[in-house]
Amino acid sequence: MNEIKTYTEPRWRRLREQVLRRDRYTDQILIRYGKIKNAEMVHHIFPKDEFPEYQYEPWNLISITKATHNLLHDRATDELTEKGVELLKRTAKENGIPIPEKYYETRKKKNPKRDSYIPPDSAL
């Protein structure tokens, strides 16, 4: 589906507003680390181009800032970053969805004991 068409459809606009209200217009990644920032957009955790069947599922959408979006989604390659893949895997597990094979392998962390990620202050 054409990306521009998707984002201008009444169905998407209603769902986007519903998700922002659900998330209290707050970046849901940053709030996990005690940071409160107003959300500017709604992110598809499972990319809509790869998983069109999930594009209108509220569980697949999360309110975030532009800075957080850049931490989750590489704008140059149009691929999820390592942090985006971590969110995808966590969401898949929470919703009983098999993790797509493409996302099985991710780079090993420098500190394997660390299980969370705090965005740098520059991204906040």
Protein backbone atom coordinates (compact mmCIF):
# COMPACT_ATOMS: atom_id res chain seq x y z
CA MET A 1 0.00 0.00 0.00
CA ASN A 2 1.20 3.49 -0.79
CA GLU A 3 2.72 5.02 2.36
CA ILE A 4 1.28 8.48 1.74
CA LYS A 5 -2.18 7.02 1.17
CA THR A 6 -1.99 4.99 4.38
CA TYR A 7 -1.15 8.01 6.51
CA THR A 8 -3.94 10.15 5.05
CA GLU A 9 -6.68 7.53 5.32
CA PRO A 10 -9.40 8.30 7.88
CA ARG A 11 -8.90 4.81 9.35
CA TRP A 12 -5.23 5.53 10.09
CA ARG A 13 -5.92 9.02 11.43
CA ARG A 14 -8.52 7.67 13.87
CA LEU A 15 -6.24 4.84 15.01
CA ARG A 16 -3.26 7.17 15.38
CA GLU A 17 -5.30 9.48 17.62
CA GLN A 18 -6.59 6.49 19.61
CA VAL A 19 -3.01 5.27 20.21
CA LEU A 20 -1.79 8.73 21.20
CA ARG A 21 -4.69 9.02 23.69
CA ARG A 22 -4.00 5.51 25.01
CA ASP A 23 -0.38 6.47 25.59
CA ARG A 24 -1.35 9.85 27.06
CA TYR A 25 0.58 11.62 24.29
CA THR A 26 3.80 10.49 25.97
CA ASP A 27 6.85 8.76 24.47
CA GLN A 28 6.43 5.19 25.69
CA ILE A 29 10.11 4.28 25.33
CA LEU A 30 11.43 7.21 27.31
CA ILE A 31 8.82 6.83 30.05
CA ARG A 32 10.34 3.43 30.85
CA TYR A 33 13.44 5.33 31.97
CA GLY A 34 11.64 8.05 33.91
CA LYS A 35 11.83 10.58 31.08
CA ILE A 36 8.63 12.41 30.15
CA LYS A 37 8.47 13.78 26.60
CA ASN A 38 5.47 14.57 24.43
CA ALA A 39 4.97 12.03 21.66
CA GLU A 40 5.07 13.44 18.15
CA MET A 41 4.24 10.33 16.17
CA VAL A 42 3.04 6.74 16.26
CA HIS A 43 5.54 4.02 15.34
CA HIS A 44 4.77 0.62 13.79
CA ILE A 45 6.76 -1.84 15.92
CA PHE A 46 6.43 -4.51 13.23
CA PRO A 47 7.20 -2.43 10.10
CA LYS A 48 4.04 -2.00 8.06
CA ASP A 49 5.80 -2.65 4.75
CA GLU A 50 6.99 -6.06 5.96
CA PHE A 51 3.92 -6.91 8.05
CA PRO A 52 0.89 -5.23 6.47
CA GLU A 53 -1.39 -7.56 8.43
CA TYR A 54 -0.35 -5.76 11.64
CA GLN A 55 -0.41 -2.16 10.42
CA TYR A 56 -3.78 -1.35 12.02
CA GLU A 57 -3.30 -3.38 15.22
CA PRO A 58 -3.14 -1.14 18.31
CA TRP A 59 -0.66 -3.52 20.03
CA ASN A 60 1.73 -2.90 17.11
CA LEU A 61 1.69 0.87 17.58
CA ILE A 62 3.52 2.99 20.10
CA SER A 63 3.63 6.74 20.70
CA ILE A 64 7.14 8.20 20.50
CA THR A 65 9.16 11.35 19.77
CA LYS A 66 11.05 11.90 16.53
CA ALA A 67 14.32 11.40 18.39
CA THR A 68 13.16 8.04 19.74
CA HIS A 69 11.94 7.08 16.28
CA ASN A 70 15.45 7.66 14.95
CA LEU A 71 16.79 5.34 17.67
CA LEU A 72 14.37 2.59 16.58
CA HIS A 73 14.34 3.03 12.82
CA ASP A 74 17.31 3.85 10.59
CA ARG A 75 16.02 6.50 8.20
CA ALA A 76 18.88 5.93 5.73
CA THR A 77 18.38 2.18 5.31
CA ASP A 78 14.68 2.02 6.21
CA GLU A 79 15.51 -0.88 8.57
CA LEU A 80 14.95 -1.33 12.28
CA THR A 81 17.96 -0.57 14.45
CA GLU A 82 19.11 -2.97 17.13
CA LYS A 83 16.84 -1.15 19.61
CA GLY A 84 13.94 -1.41 17.17
CA VAL A 85 14.52 -5.15 16.86
CA GLU A 86 14.60 -5.48 20.66
CA LEU A 87 11.22 -3.72 20.85
CA LEU A 88 9.85 -5.95 18.08
CA LYS A 89 10.99 -9.10 19.91
CA ARG A 90 9.56 -7.90 23.23
CA THR A 91 6.24 -7.03 21.56
CA ALA A 92 6.13 -10.38 19.77
CA LYS A 93 6.68 -12.22 23.04
CA GLU A 94 4.03 -10.16 24.87
CA ASN A 95 1.48 -10.89 22.14
CA GLY A 96 2.33 -14.55 21.48
CA ILE A 97 3.55 -13.85 17.96
CA PRO A 98 6.48 -15.82 16.53
CA ILE A 99 9.58 -13.71 15.99
CA PRO A 100 10.19 -13.41 12.26
CA GLU A 101 13.29 -15.32 11.16
CA LYS A 102 14.88 -12.14 9.81
CA TYR A 103 15.12 -10.84 13.38
CA TYR A 104 16.59 -13.92 15.11
CA GLU A 105 20.15 -12.66 14.94
CA THR A 106 21.17 -9.32 16.37
CA ARG A 107 24.57 -8.03 17.27
CA LYS A 108 25.89 -9.19 20.61
CA LYS A 109 25.83 -6.55 23.30
CA LYS A 110 29.11 -5.38 24.79
CA ASN A 111 27.64 -5.92 28.25
CA PRO A 112 25.44 -9.05 28.15
CA LYS A 113 24.20 -8.43 31.72
CA ARG A 114 22.58 -5.19 30.67
CA ASP A 115 18.99 -5.86 29.65
CA SER A 116 17.77 -2.36 29.03
CA TYR A 117 18.74 0.69 27.09
CA ILE A 118 18.67 4.28 28.21
CA PRO A 119 18.79 6.71 25.30
CA PRO A 120 21.56 9.31 25.52
CA ASP A 121 20.47 12.72 26.83
CA SER A 122 21.10 14.15 23.37
CA ALA A 123 18.24 12.00 22.07
CA LEU A 124 15.87 13.22 24.77
